[in-house]
Amino acid sequence: MSNPNINYTTFICYRRKEYGDTERPIGSYVARIIYEYLSKKGVSVCYDVESFPLGRNYQETTIEFLNQVRCFILILTPDLLSRCLNKDNDDVYLEIMHAISRCHKEKEDSSIPYQNKFLFLPINPDSLFFYEKHVPSNIDPRIKEILKNNMAYINFSNDDFHGHMERKLVSPIINVLSANTIDEINYKPRENKKNLIDTNLPIQNNFIGRIMEKFLNRKK
């Protein structure tokens, strides 16, 4: 059930049902697993089934949440991109292109620290997605570019599942979100805010100075 007071940090994009080789809701299964796993790790995840308020316009809600989050997870299933050719009527296409736009915008913005850049993370569950086979030749080239060498392979069906999730999903997300926490302190305008460390203080009165003093055996 949705909670309007939650500030989401991570968005899951997926195809609810496959219409290609299989009509099973593979994307929905994977999205649910990832949502539950990250939620238990304390990550605030926007997953439409749980997060979108009833009665609101779906596309408007999507844009609102996409503008709010710092991480975008794209679940790569065989039929994910086939309907993206219908640009005006496909929600998955809208979500992907909005996320790509944010990536490109922040990549060129030198004021945003590198570790704080918007994270676009395509997940290939159990190697179900093959670039040459499942990326349409006439799809937007920006989608081709971001997927070409940027897929994280997570094996959902072997005993190293938790290791894959931690290394390839949880760790990159936590790194970005941790960087955001640091940026809240260090990179916002400095009005009405003190630096964590004032390097202009006499060496014995600031934190770095005390550490140096300890190791150099200096006297106050």
N, C-alpha and C. Protein backbone atom coordinates (compact mmCIF):
# COMPACT_ATOMS: atom_id res chain seq x y z
N MET A 1 0.84 -1.19 0.00
CA MET A 1 0.00 0.00 0.00
C MET A 1 0.88 1.24 0.00
N SER A 2 0.51 2.25 -0.78
CA SER A 2 1.34 3.43 -0.93
C SER A 2 1.32 4.30 0.32
N ASN A 3 2.44 5.00 0.54
CA ASN A 3 2.56 5.93 1.65
C ASN A 3 3.04 7.26 1.09
N PRO A 4 2.17 8.28 1.05
CA PRO A 4 2.53 9.56 0.42
C PRO A 4 3.64 10.30 1.15
N ASN A 5 3.97 9.89 2.37
CA ASN A 5 4.99 10.60 3.14
C ASN A 5 6.40 10.05 2.93
N ILE A 6 6.53 8.98 2.15
CA ILE A 6 7.84 8.38 1.92
C ILE A 6 8.59 9.14 0.83
N ASN A 7 9.85 9.43 1.09
CA ASN A 7 10.72 9.98 0.06
C ASN A 7 11.52 8.83 -0.54
N TYR A 8 11.20 8.46 -1.77
CA TYR A 8 11.85 7.31 -2.39
C TYR A 8 13.23 7.67 -2.91
N THR A 9 14.14 6.71 -2.81
CA THR A 9 15.50 6.91 -3.33
C THR A 9 15.79 6.05 -4.55
N THR A 10 15.00 4.99 -4.75
CA THR A 10 15.29 4.00 -5.79
C THR A 10 14.00 3.60 -6.50
N PHE A 11 14.06 3.55 -7.83
CA PHE A 11 12.89 3.25 -8.66
C PHE A 11 13.12 1.95 -9.42
N ILE A 12 12.11 1.07 -9.43
CA ILE A 12 12.20 -0.18 -10.19
C ILE A 12 11.35 -0.08 -11.45
N CYS A 13 11.97 -0.28 -12.59
CA CYS A 13 11.29 -0.29 -13.88
C CYS A 13 11.31 -1.71 -14.44
N TYR A 14 10.16 -2.21 -14.88
CA TYR A 14 10.08 -3.59 -15.35
C TYR A 14 8.88 -3.76 -16.26
N ARG A 15 8.88 -4.85 -17.02
CA ARG A 15 7.73 -5.22 -17.85
C ARG A 15 6.91 -6.25 -17.09
N ARG A 16 5.66 -5.93 -16.84
CA ARG A 16 4.83 -6.79 -16.00
C ARG A 16 4.59 -8.17 -16.61
N LYS A 17 4.45 -8.22 -17.92
CA LYS A 17 4.13 -9.50 -18.54
C LYS A 17 4.84 -9.63 -19.88
N GLU A 18 5.40 -10.80 -20.13
CA GLU A 18 6.10 -11.08 -21.37
C GLU A 18 5.10 -11.52 -22.45
N TYR A 19 5.30 -11.02 -23.66
CA TYR A 19 4.45 -11.45 -24.77
C TYR A 19 5.26 -12.11 -25.88
N GLY A 20 6.50 -12.48 -25.57
CA GLY A 20 7.35 -13.11 -26.57
C GLY A 20 7.32 -14.62 -26.45
N ASP A 21 8.47 -15.19 -26.09
CA ASP A 21 8.58 -16.64 -25.99
C ASP A 21 7.73 -17.21 -24.86
N THR A 22 7.46 -16.42 -23.87
CA THR A 22 6.65 -16.88 -22.74
C THR A 22 5.71 -15.76 -22.31
N GLU A 23 4.56 -16.13 -21.78
CA GLU A 23 3.61 -15.12 -21.31
C GLU A 23 3.59 -15.05 -19.80
N ARG A 24 4.65 -15.49 -19.18
CA ARG A 24 4.74 -15.44 -17.73
C ARG A 24 5.21 -14.05 -17.28
N PRO A 25 4.75 -13.62 -16.12
CA PRO A 25 5.14 -12.29 -15.60
C PRO A 25 6.52 -12.30 -14.95
N ILE A 26 7.54 -12.62 -15.74
CA ILE A 26 8.90 -12.73 -15.19
C ILE A 26 9.35 -11.43 -14.54
N GLY A 27 9.13 -10.32 -15.22
CA GLY A 27 9.55 -9.03 -14.68
C GLY A 27 8.91 -8.73 -13.34
N SER A 28 7.64 -9.10 -13.20
CA SER A 28 6.93 -8.88 -11.94
C SER A 28 7.53 -9.70 -10.81
N TYR A 29 7.90 -10.94 -11.11
CA TYR A 29 8.53 -11.79 -10.10
C TYR A 29 9.84 -11.17 -9.61
N VAL A 30 10.68 -10.78 -10.57
CA VAL A 30 12.00 -10.23 -10.22
C VAL A 30 11.85 -8.90 -9.49
N ALA A 31 10.93 -8.06 -9.95
CA ALA A 31 10.71 -6.76 -9.31
C ALA A 31 10.30 -6.94 -7.85
N ARG A 32 9.43 -7.91 -7.60
CA ARG A 32 8.99 -8.16 -6.22
C ARG A 32 10.15 -8.62 -5.34
N ILE A 33 10.98 -9.51 -5.87
CA ILE A 33 12.13 -10.01 -5.10
C ILE A 33 13.08 -8.86 -4.77
N ILE A 34 13.38 -8.05 -5.77
CA ILE A 34 14.31 -6.93 -5.55
C ILE A 34 13.71 -5.92 -4.57
N TYR A 35 12.44 -5.64 -4.72
CA TYR A 35 11.77 -4.70 -3.80
C TYR A 35 11.87 -5.19 -2.36
N GLU A 36 11.55 -6.45 -2.14
CA GLU A 36 11.58 -6.99 -0.78
C GLU A 36 13.00 -7.02 -0.23
N TYR A 37 13.96 -7.38 -1.07
CA TYR A 37 15.35 -7.49 -0.63
C TYR A 37 15.90 -6.12 -0.23
N LEU A 38 15.70 -5.12 -1.09
CA LEU A 38 16.22 -3.79 -0.80
C LEU A 38 15.49 -3.14 0.37
N SER A 39 14.21 -3.39 0.48
CA SER A 39 13.45 -2.82 1.59
C SER A 39 13.98 -3.32 2.93
N LYS A 40 14.35 -4.59 2.97
CA LYS A 40 14.91 -5.15 4.20
C LYS A 40 16.28 -4.56 4.52
N LYS A 41 16.94 -4.02 3.49
CA LYS A 41 18.24 -3.37 3.69
C LYS A 41 18.08 -1.90 4.07
N GLY A 42 16.83 -1.44 4.16
CA GLY A 42 16.58 -0.06 4.55
C GLY A 42 16.54 0.91 3.40
N VAL A 43 16.53 0.41 2.15
CA VAL A 43 16.45 1.27 0.98
C VAL A 43 14.98 1.60 0.71
N SER A 44 14.69 2.86 0.47
CA SER A 44 13.32 3.30 0.20
C SER A 44 13.03 3.12 -1.30
N VAL A 45 12.31 2.07 -1.64
CA VAL A 45 12.14 1.66 -3.04
C VAL A 45 10.76 2.04 -3.57
N CYS A 46 10.75 2.67 -4.73
CA CYS A 46 9.50 2.97 -5.43
C CYS A 46 9.19 1.80 -6.38
N TYR A 47 8.20 1.02 -6.03
CA TYR A 47 7.75 -0.15 -6.79
C TYR A 47 6.26 0.04 -7.01
N ASP A 48 5.84 0.21 -8.26
CA ASP A 48 4.50 0.71 -8.53
C ASP A 48 3.38 -0.01 -7.79
N VAL A 49 3.45 -1.33 -7.72
CA VAL A 49 2.39 -2.10 -7.06
C VAL A 49 2.21 -1.67 -5.60
N GLU A 50 3.32 -1.32 -4.94
CA GLU A 50 3.28 -0.97 -3.53
C GLU A 50 3.27 0.54 -3.29
N SER A 51 3.75 1.31 -4.27
CA SER A 51 4.06 2.71 -4.01
C SER A 51 3.12 3.72 -4.67
N PHE A 52 2.50 3.37 -5.79
CA PHE A 52 1.70 4.34 -6.52
C PHE A 52 0.32 4.51 -5.87
N PRO A 53 -0.07 5.75 -5.55
CA PRO A 53 -1.38 5.99 -4.94
C PRO A 53 -2.51 5.62 -5.90
N LEU A 54 -3.54 5.02 -5.38
CA LEU A 54 -4.70 4.66 -6.20
C LEU A 54 -5.41 5.92 -6.67
N GLY A 55 -5.85 5.89 -7.93
CA GLY A 55 -6.65 6.99 -8.46
C GLY A 55 -5.85 8.11 -9.10
N ARG A 56 -4.53 8.10 -8.94
CA ARG A 56 -3.71 9.15 -9.55
C ARG A 56 -3.28 8.76 -10.95
N ASN A 57 -3.03 9.76 -11.79
CA ASN A 57 -2.56 9.51 -13.15
C ASN A 57 -1.22 8.79 -13.10
N TYR A 58 -1.12 7.66 -13.80
CA TYR A 58 0.07 6.80 -13.70
C TYR A 58 1.32 7.53 -14.21
N GLN A 59 1.23 8.17 -15.37
CA GLN A 59 2.42 8.80 -15.94
C GLN A 59 2.86 10.01 -15.12
N GLU A 60 1.92 10.78 -14.61
CA GLU A 60 2.27 11.92 -13.77
C GLU A 60 2.97 11.45 -12.48
N THR A 61 2.44 10.38 -11.91
CA THR A 61 3.04 9.83 -10.69
C THR A 61 4.44 9.30 -10.98
N THR A 62 4.59 8.64 -12.14
CA THR A 62 5.90 8.12 -12.55
C THR A 62 6.94 9.22 -12.62
N ILE A 63 6.62 10.31 -13.30
CA ILE A 63 7.56 11.42 -13.45
C ILE A 63 7.90 12.03 -12.10
N GLU A 64 6.90 12.17 -11.24
CA GLU A 64 7.14 12.74 -9.91
C GLU A 64 8.14 11.90 -9.14
N PHE A 65 7.96 10.59 -9.15
CA PHE A 65 8.86 9.72 -8.39
C PHE A 65 10.24 9.62 -9.06
N LEU A 66 10.26 9.61 -10.38
CA LEU A 66 11.55 9.55 -11.07
C LEU A 66 12.39 10.80 -10.80
N ASN A 67 11.75 11.93 -10.62
CA ASN A 67 12.48 13.16 -10.29
C ASN A 67 12.97 13.16 -8.85
N GLN A 68 12.40 12.29 -8.04
CA GLN A 68 12.74 12.24 -6.62
C GLN A 68 13.89 11.29 -6.32
N VAL A 69 13.97 10.18 -7.06
CA VAL A 69 14.93 9.13 -6.71
C VAL A 69 16.34 9.45 -7.20
N ARG A 70 17.32 8.68 -6.67
CA ARG A 70 18.71 8.81 -7.09
C ARG A 70 19.21 7.56 -7.82
N CYS A 71 18.43 6.48 -7.78
CA CYS A 71 18.83 5.22 -8.41
C CYS A 71 17.67 4.66 -9.23
N PHE A 72 17.98 4.14 -10.41
CA PHE A 72 16.98 3.60 -11.32
C PHE A 72 17.39 2.17 -11.68
N ILE A 73 16.57 1.20 -11.27
CA ILE A 73 16.83 -0.21 -11.58
C ILE A 73 15.96 -0.61 -12.76
N LEU A 74 16.59 -1.10 -13.81
CA LEU A 74 15.87 -1.58 -14.99
C LEU A 74 16.01 -3.10 -15.06
N ILE A 75 14.89 -3.82 -14.96
CA ILE A 75 14.92 -5.27 -14.98
C ILE A 75 14.81 -5.75 -16.43
N LEU A 76 15.87 -6.37 -16.90
CA LEU A 76 15.96 -6.78 -18.30
C LEU A 76 15.37 -8.18 -18.49
N THR A 77 14.21 -8.23 -19.12
CA THR A 77 13.58 -9.49 -19.49
C THR A 77 13.42 -9.51 -21.00
N PRO A 78 13.24 -10.69 -21.60
CA PRO A 78 13.26 -10.80 -23.06
C PRO A 78 12.34 -9.83 -23.81
N ASP A 79 11.15 -9.58 -23.27
CA ASP A 79 10.18 -8.74 -23.98
C ASP A 79 10.17 -7.30 -23.49
N LEU A 80 11.14 -6.93 -22.68
CA LEU A 80 11.14 -5.59 -22.08
C LEU A 80 11.03 -4.47 -23.11
N LEU A 81 11.84 -4.56 -24.18
CA LEU A 81 11.99 -3.43 -25.09
C LEU A 81 11.13 -3.51 -26.34
N SER A 82 10.48 -4.63 -26.58
CA SER A 82 9.76 -4.78 -27.85
C SER A 82 8.64 -3.75 -28.01
N ARG A 83 7.98 -3.40 -26.93
CA ARG A 83 6.90 -2.42 -27.01
C ARG A 83 7.38 -0.99 -26.82
N CYS A 84 8.68 -0.82 -26.60
CA CYS A 84 9.23 0.54 -26.49
C CYS A 84 9.26 1.26 -27.84
N LEU A 85 9.02 0.52 -28.91
CA LEU A 85 8.96 1.14 -30.23
C LEU A 85 7.69 1.98 -30.36
N ASN A 86 6.69 1.67 -29.56
CA ASN A 86 5.46 2.45 -29.52
C ASN A 86 5.63 3.55 -28.48
N LYS A 87 6.43 4.54 -28.81
CA LYS A 87 6.94 5.50 -27.84
C LYS A 87 5.87 6.24 -27.06
N ASP A 88 4.79 6.61 -27.71
CA ASP A 88 3.79 7.46 -27.06
C ASP A 88 2.87 6.72 -26.10
N ASN A 89 2.85 5.40 -26.19
CA ASN A 89 1.88 4.64 -25.40
C ASN A 89 2.53 3.55 -24.55
N ASP A 90 3.80 3.69 -24.26
CA ASP A 90 4.46 2.66 -23.48
C ASP A 90 5.10 3.27 -22.25
N ASP A 91 4.63 2.85 -21.08
CA ASP A 91 5.13 3.41 -19.82
C ASP A 91 6.59 3.06 -19.57
N VAL A 92 6.99 1.86 -19.96
CA VAL A 92 8.38 1.45 -19.76
C VAL A 92 9.33 2.36 -20.54
N TYR A 93 8.96 2.67 -21.78
CA TYR A 93 9.77 3.57 -22.60
C TYR A 93 9.88 4.94 -21.94
N LEU A 94 8.76 5.46 -21.44
CA LEU A 94 8.76 6.75 -20.76
C LEU A 94 9.72 6.74 -19.57
N GLU A 95 9.66 5.69 -18.77
CA GLU A 95 10.50 5.60 -17.58
C GLU A 95 11.98 5.52 -17.96
N ILE A 96 12.30 4.68 -18.95
CA ILE A 96 13.69 4.52 -19.36
C ILE A 96 14.26 5.83 -19.88
N MET A 97 13.53 6.49 -20.75
CA MET A 97 14.04 7.71 -21.37
C MET A 97 14.18 8.84 -20.35
N HIS A 98 13.29 8.90 -19.39
CA HIS A 98 13.41 9.94 -18.36
C HIS A 98 14.65 9.69 -17.51
N ALA A 99 14.91 8.42 -17.20
CA ALA A 99 16.10 8.08 -16.41
C ALA A 99 17.37 8.37 -17.21
N ILE A 100 17.38 8.03 -18.49
CA ILE A 100 18.54 8.31 -19.33
C ILE A 100 18.80 9.81 -19.42
N SER A 101 17.73 10.57 -19.54
CA SER A 101 17.86 12.03 -19.59
C SER A 101 18.52 12.57 -18.32
N ARG A 102 18.14 12.04 -17.18
CA ARG A 102 18.76 12.47 -15.93
C ARG A 102 20.23 12.09 -15.89
N CYS A 103 20.54 10.89 -16.37
CA CYS A 103 21.95 10.45 -16.42
C CYS A 103 22.79 11.41 -17.24
N HIS A 104 22.32 11.73 -18.43
CA HIS A 104 23.08 12.60 -19.33
C HIS A 104 23.21 14.01 -18.76
N LYS A 105 22.14 14.50 -18.17
CA LYS A 105 22.16 15.85 -17.60
C LYS A 105 23.17 15.94 -16.46
N GLU A 106 23.17 14.95 -15.58
CA GLU A 106 24.07 15.00 -14.43
C GLU A 106 25.51 14.68 -14.82
N LYS A 107 25.68 13.89 -15.86
CA LYS A 107 27.03 13.57 -16.33
C LYS A 107 27.76 14.84 -16.76
N GLU A 108 27.02 15.79 -17.34
CA GLU A 108 27.62 17.02 -17.83
C GLU A 108 27.69 18.11 -16.78
N ASP A 109 27.10 17.86 -15.63
CA ASP A 109 27.05 18.88 -14.58
C ASP A 109 28.23 18.70 -13.62
N SER A 110 29.21 19.53 -13.76
CA SER A 110 30.43 19.40 -12.95
C SER A 110 30.21 19.78 -11.49
N SER A 111 29.07 20.40 -11.19
CA SER A 111 28.81 20.78 -9.80
C SER A 111 28.37 19.59 -8.95
N ILE A 112 28.01 18.48 -9.61
CA ILE A 112 27.58 17.29 -8.89
C ILE A 112 28.77 16.36 -8.74
N PRO A 113 29.16 16.02 -7.54
CA PRO A 113 30.31 15.13 -7.33
C PRO A 113 30.11 13.79 -8.05
N TYR A 114 31.19 13.21 -8.49
CA TYR A 114 31.12 11.97 -9.27
C TYR A 114 30.36 10.88 -8.54
N GLN A 115 30.64 10.71 -7.26
CA GLN A 115 30.02 9.62 -6.50
C GLN A 115 28.54 9.86 -6.25
N ASN A 116 28.08 11.06 -6.60
CA ASN A 116 26.70 11.44 -6.33
C ASN A 116 25.84 11.45 -7.59
N LYS A 117 26.42 11.03 -8.72
CA LYS A 117 25.69 11.04 -9.98
C LYS A 117 24.52 10.05 -9.95
N PHE A 118 23.49 10.37 -10.69
CA PHE A 118 22.31 9.49 -10.81
C PHE A 118 22.75 8.11 -11.31
N LEU A 119 22.25 7.07 -10.64
CA LEU A 119 22.66 5.70 -10.97
C LEU A 119 21.61 5.00 -11.82
N PHE A 120 22.00 4.58 -13.02
CA PHE A 120 21.15 3.79 -13.92
C PHE A 120 21.70 2.37 -13.90
N LEU A 121 20.91 1.44 -13.36
CA LEU A 121 21.42 0.10 -13.11
C LEU A 121 20.55 -0.97 -13.79
N PRO A 122 20.94 -1.44 -14.98
CA PRO A 122 20.20 -2.52 -15.64
C PRO A 122 20.56 -3.88 -15.04
N ILE A 123 19.57 -4.63 -14.62
CA ILE A 123 19.76 -5.94 -14.00
C ILE A 123 19.33 -7.03 -14.99
N ASN A 124 20.24 -7.97 -15.25
CA ASN A 124 19.94 -9.10 -16.13
C ASN A 124 19.79 -10.36 -15.28
N PRO A 125 18.53 -10.73 -14.94
CA PRO A 125 18.33 -11.88 -14.04
C PRO A 125 18.54 -13.21 -14.76
N ASP A 126 19.42 -14.02 -14.20
CA ASP A 126 19.69 -15.36 -14.75
C ASP A 126 20.05 -15.34 -16.23
N SER A 127 20.65 -14.24 -16.68
CA SER A 127 21.08 -14.10 -18.10
C SER A 127 19.94 -14.36 -19.07
N LEU A 128 18.74 -13.91 -18.73
CA LEU A 128 17.58 -14.10 -19.60
C LEU A 128 17.61 -13.16 -20.81
N PHE A 129 18.35 -12.05 -20.66
CA PHE A 129 18.34 -11.00 -21.67
C PHE A 129 19.63 -11.05 -22.49
N PHE A 130 19.47 -11.11 -23.81
CA PHE A 130 20.62 -11.12 -24.73
C PHE A 130 20.58 -9.85 -25.56
N TYR A 131 21.66 -9.07 -25.47
CA TYR A 131 21.69 -7.77 -26.13
C TYR A 131 21.38 -7.88 -27.62
N GLU A 132 22.08 -8.76 -28.32
CA GLU A 132 21.91 -8.86 -29.77
C GLU A 132 20.51 -9.34 -30.16
N LYS A 133 19.90 -10.14 -29.32
CA LYS A 133 18.60 -10.73 -29.63
C LYS A 133 17.43 -9.86 -29.17
N HIS A 134 17.57 -9.22 -28.02
CA HIS A 134 16.41 -8.58 -27.40
C HIS A 134 16.41 -7.05 -27.45
N VAL A 135 17.44 -6.45 -28.05
CA VAL A 135 17.43 -5.00 -28.26
C VAL A 135 17.05 -4.75 -29.72
N PRO A 136 15.87 -4.21 -29.98
CA PRO A 136 15.45 -3.96 -31.37
C PRO A 136 16.43 -3.04 -32.10
N SER A 137 16.70 -3.34 -33.34
CA SER A 137 17.68 -2.57 -34.11
C SER A 137 17.26 -1.13 -34.31
N ASN A 138 15.96 -0.88 -34.31
CA ASN A 138 15.47 0.48 -34.56
C ASN A 138 15.01 1.21 -33.31
N ILE A 139 15.46 0.75 -32.16
CA ILE A 139 15.12 1.43 -30.92
C ILE A 139 16.00 2.66 -30.76
N ASP A 140 15.59 3.57 -29.88
CA ASP A 140 16.35 4.80 -29.63
C ASP A 140 17.81 4.45 -29.32
N PRO A 141 18.76 5.06 -30.02
CA PRO A 141 20.18 4.72 -29.81
C PRO A 141 20.68 4.99 -28.40
N ARG A 142 20.03 5.86 -27.68
CA ARG A 142 20.44 6.13 -26.30
C ARG A 142 20.19 4.92 -25.40
N ILE A 143 19.16 4.17 -25.71
CA ILE A 143 18.90 2.94 -24.96
C ILE A 143 19.96 1.90 -25.29
N LYS A 144 20.30 1.79 -26.57
CA LYS A 144 21.36 0.86 -26.97
C LYS A 144 22.66 1.18 -26.24
N GLU A 145 22.98 2.46 -26.20
CA GLU A 145 24.25 2.89 -25.62
C GLU A 145 24.34 2.55 -24.13
N ILE A 146 23.27 2.82 -23.39
CA ILE A 146 23.34 2.64 -21.94
C ILE A 146 23.31 1.17 -21.54
N LEU A 147 22.79 0.32 -22.43
CA LEU A 147 22.74 -1.10 -22.13
C LEU A 147 23.96 -1.88 -22.63
N LYS A 148 24.67 -1.32 -23.58
CA LYS A 148 25.72 -2.05 -24.29
C LYS A 148 26.73 -2.70 -23.34
N ASN A 149 27.26 -1.93 -22.43
CA ASN A 149 28.29 -2.47 -21.53
C ASN A 149 27.97 -2.16 -20.08
N ASN A 150 26.68 -2.17 -19.76
CA ASN A 150 26.29 -1.69 -18.45
C ASN A 150 25.30 -2.62 -17.75
N MET A 151 25.32 -3.91 -18.07
CA MET A 151 24.37 -4.84 -17.47
C MET A 151 24.99 -5.55 -16.27
N ALA A 152 24.23 -5.60 -15.18
CA ALA A 152 24.65 -6.36 -14.00
C ALA A 152 23.94 -7.70 -14.02
N TYR A 153 24.73 -8.78 -14.06
CA TYR A 153 24.16 -10.12 -14.11
C TYR A 153 23.98 -10.65 -12.69
N ILE A 154 22.74 -10.96 -12.34
CA ILE A 154 22.44 -11.51 -11.02
C ILE A 154 21.81 -12.88 -11.20
N ASN A 155 22.43 -13.86 -10.57
CA ASN A 155 21.94 -15.23 -10.68
C ASN A 155 20.95 -15.50 -9.54
N PHE A 156 19.68 -15.60 -9.91
CA PHE A 156 18.63 -15.81 -8.92
C PHE A 156 18.45 -17.28 -8.55
N SER A 157 19.13 -18.15 -9.26
CA SER A 157 18.84 -19.58 -9.11
C SER A 157 20.02 -20.41 -8.63
N ASN A 158 21.02 -19.77 -8.02
CA ASN A 158 22.09 -20.59 -7.44
C ASN A 158 22.39 -20.16 -6.01
N ASP A 159 23.32 -20.81 -5.38
CA ASP A 159 23.54 -20.59 -3.96
C ASP A 159 24.30 -19.30 -3.65
N ASP A 160 24.73 -18.58 -4.69
CA ASP A 160 25.41 -17.31 -4.47
C ASP A 160 24.48 -16.13 -4.73
N PHE A 161 23.19 -16.37 -4.65
CA PHE A 161 22.20 -15.31 -4.90
C PHE A 161 22.46 -14.09 -4.03
N HIS A 162 22.64 -14.31 -2.74
CA HIS A 162 22.84 -13.19 -1.82
C HIS A 162 24.14 -12.44 -2.13
N GLY A 163 25.17 -13.18 -2.52
CA GLY A 163 26.43 -12.53 -2.90
C GLY A 163 26.25 -11.65 -4.12
N HIS A 164 25.54 -12.16 -5.12
CA HIS A 164 25.27 -11.37 -6.33
C HIS A 164 24.48 -10.11 -5.98
N MET A 165 23.46 -10.26 -5.18
CA MET A 165 22.62 -9.11 -4.81
C MET A 165 23.42 -8.05 -4.06
N GLU A 166 24.27 -8.50 -3.17
CA GLU A 166 25.05 -7.55 -2.37
C GLU A 166 26.07 -6.80 -3.23
N ARG A 167 26.79 -7.55 -4.08
CA ARG A 167 27.87 -6.94 -4.87
C ARG A 167 27.34 -6.09 -6.02
N LYS A 168 26.31 -6.56 -6.68
CA LYS A 168 25.90 -5.94 -7.95
C LYS A 168 24.69 -5.03 -7.84
N LEU A 169 23.98 -5.11 -6.72
CA LEU A 169 22.80 -4.29 -6.56
C LEU A 169 22.87 -3.42 -5.31
N VAL A 170 23.01 -4.06 -4.15
CA VAL A 170 22.97 -3.32 -2.90
C VAL A 170 24.15 -2.37 -2.78
N SER A 171 25.35 -2.86 -3.04
CA SER A 171 26.55 -2.04 -2.86
C SER A 171 26.56 -0.78 -3.72
N PRO A 172 26.28 -0.86 -5.05
CA PRO A 172 26.24 0.37 -5.85
C PRO A 172 25.20 1.37 -5.37
N ILE A 173 24.04 0.86 -4.94
CA ILE A 173 22.98 1.75 -4.47
C ILE A 173 23.39 2.42 -3.16
N ILE A 174 23.89 1.65 -2.22
CA ILE A 174 24.30 2.21 -0.94
C ILE A 174 25.40 3.24 -1.12
N ASN A 175 26.33 2.98 -2.06
CA ASN A 175 27.39 3.94 -2.32
C ASN A 175 26.84 5.28 -2.77
N VAL A 176 25.88 5.26 -3.68
CA VAL A 176 25.28 6.50 -4.17
C VAL A 176 24.51 7.20 -3.06
N LEU A 177 23.73 6.45 -2.31
CA LEU A 177 22.94 7.06 -1.26
C LEU A 177 23.81 7.58 -0.12
N SER A 178 24.91 6.88 0.17
CA SER A 178 25.85 7.37 1.19
C SER A 178 26.49 8.67 0.74
N ALA A 179 26.82 8.73 -0.53
CA ALA A 179 27.39 9.96 -1.09
C ALA A 179 26.40 11.11 -0.95
N ASN A 180 25.12 10.84 -1.14
CA ASN A 180 24.11 11.87 -0.97
C ASN A 180 24.05 12.37 0.46
N THR A 181 24.21 11.47 1.41
CA THR A 181 24.22 11.87 2.81
C THR A 181 25.39 12.81 3.08
N ILE A 182 26.55 12.47 2.54
CA ILE A 182 27.72 13.33 2.70
C ILE A 182 27.49 14.68 2.02
N ASP A 183 26.89 14.64 0.84
CA ASP A 183 26.65 15.88 0.11
C ASP A 183 25.69 16.80 0.84
N GLU A 184 24.75 16.22 1.62
CA GLU A 184 23.85 17.05 2.40
C GLU A 184 24.65 17.97 3.32
N ILE A 185 25.81 17.50 3.76
CA ILE A 185 26.64 18.27 4.67
C ILE A 185 27.64 19.15 3.92
N ASN A 186 28.29 18.56 2.91
CA ASN A 186 29.47 19.21 2.34
C ASN A 186 29.23 20.01 1.06
N TYR A 187 28.15 19.75 0.34
CA TYR A 187 28.03 20.37 -0.97
C TYR A 187 26.85 21.33 -1.12
N LYS A 188 26.00 21.43 -0.12
CA LYS A 188 24.93 22.41 -0.19
C LYS A 188 25.50 23.80 0.07
N PRO A 189 24.77 24.87 -0.32
CA PRO A 189 25.24 26.23 0.00
C PRO A 189 25.55 26.36 1.48
N ARG A 190 26.59 27.08 1.77
CA ARG A 190 27.12 27.07 3.13
C ARG A 190 26.50 28.12 4.06
N GLU A 191 25.45 28.83 3.59
CA GLU A 191 24.80 29.78 4.47
C GLU A 191 24.24 29.06 5.70
N ASN A 192 24.42 29.69 6.87
CA ASN A 192 23.88 29.17 8.13
C ASN A 192 24.36 27.75 8.44
N LYS A 193 25.54 27.41 8.01
CA LYS A 193 26.05 26.06 8.26
C LYS A 193 27.55 26.11 8.50
N LYS A 194 28.02 25.41 9.49
CA LYS A 194 29.44 25.33 9.79
C LYS A 194 30.06 24.14 9.08
N ASN A 195 31.30 24.27 8.68
CA ASN A 195 32.01 23.12 8.13
C ASN A 195 32.20 22.07 9.22
N LEU A 196 32.25 20.80 8.80
CA LEU A 196 32.53 19.74 9.75
C LEU A 196 33.91 19.94 10.38
N ILE A 197 34.86 20.36 9.57
CA ILE A 197 36.22 20.60 10.05
C ILE A 197 36.64 21.99 9.62
N ASP A 198 36.97 22.82 10.52
CA ASP A 198 37.42 24.17 10.22
C ASP A 198 38.94 24.17 10.17
N THR A 199 39.49 24.14 8.97
CA THR A 199 40.94 24.04 8.84
C THR A 199 41.65 25.36 9.14
N ASN A 200 40.89 26.41 9.41
CA ASN A 200 41.51 27.70 9.73
C ASN A 200 41.81 27.83 11.22
N LEU A 201 41.31 26.91 12.04
CA LEU A 201 41.61 26.96 13.46
C LEU A 201 43.07 26.60 13.70
N PRO A 202 43.62 27.05 14.83
CA PRO A 202 44.99 26.61 15.18
C PRO A 202 45.06 25.09 15.15
N ILE A 203 46.18 24.57 14.78
CA ILE A 203 46.30 23.13 14.54
C ILE A 203 45.89 22.30 15.75
N GLN A 204 46.16 22.79 16.97
CA GLN A 204 45.84 21.97 18.13
C GLN A 204 44.34 21.97 18.45
N ASN A 205 43.56 22.87 17.83
CA ASN A 205 42.15 23.00 18.17
C ASN A 205 41.20 22.33 17.18
N ASN A 206 41.71 21.82 16.09
CA ASN A 206 40.79 21.15 15.17
C ASN A 206 41.11 19.66 15.10
N PHE A 207 40.17 18.91 14.58
CA PHE A 207 40.27 17.45 14.61
C PHE A 207 41.52 16.94 13.91
N ILE A 208 41.79 17.44 12.71
CA ILE A 208 42.97 17.00 11.96
C ILE A 208 44.23 17.33 12.75
N GLY A 209 44.23 18.51 13.35
CA GLY A 209 45.39 18.92 14.14
C GLY A 209 45.65 17.99 15.30
N ARG A 210 44.58 17.57 15.99
CA ARG A 210 44.77 16.69 17.14
C ARG A 210 45.32 15.33 16.71
N ILE A 211 44.86 14.84 15.55
CA ILE A 211 45.37 13.57 15.05
C ILE A 211 46.86 13.72 14.70
N MET A 212 47.19 14.81 13.99
CA MET A 212 48.59 15.04 13.62
C MET A 212 49.45 15.18 14.86
N GLU A 213 48.90 15.88 15.83
CA GLU A 213 49.66 16.11 17.06
C GLU A 213 49.96 14.80 17.77
N LYS A 214 49.01 13.91 17.77
CA LYS A 214 49.20 12.63 18.44
C LYS A 214 50.32 11.84 17.80
N PHE A 215 50.32 11.81 16.47
CA PHE A 215 51.30 10.98 15.77
C PHE A 215 52.66 11.65 15.65
N LEU A 216 52.70 12.96 15.74
CA LEU A 216 53.96 13.67 15.64
C LEU A 216 54.53 14.02 17.01
N ASN A 217 53.76 13.63 18.07
CA ASN A 217 54.19 13.90 19.44
C ASN A 217 54.44 15.38 19.70
N ARG A 218 53.58 16.20 19.08
CA ARG A 218 53.72 17.63 19.32
C ARG A 218 53.04 17.99 20.62
N LYS A 219 53.55 19.04 21.30
CA LYS A 219 52.96 19.53 22.54
C LYS A 219 52.08 20.73 22.26
N LYS A 220 51.01 20.85 23.07
CA LYS A 220 50.15 22.01 22.92
C LYS A 220 50.86 23.23 23.45
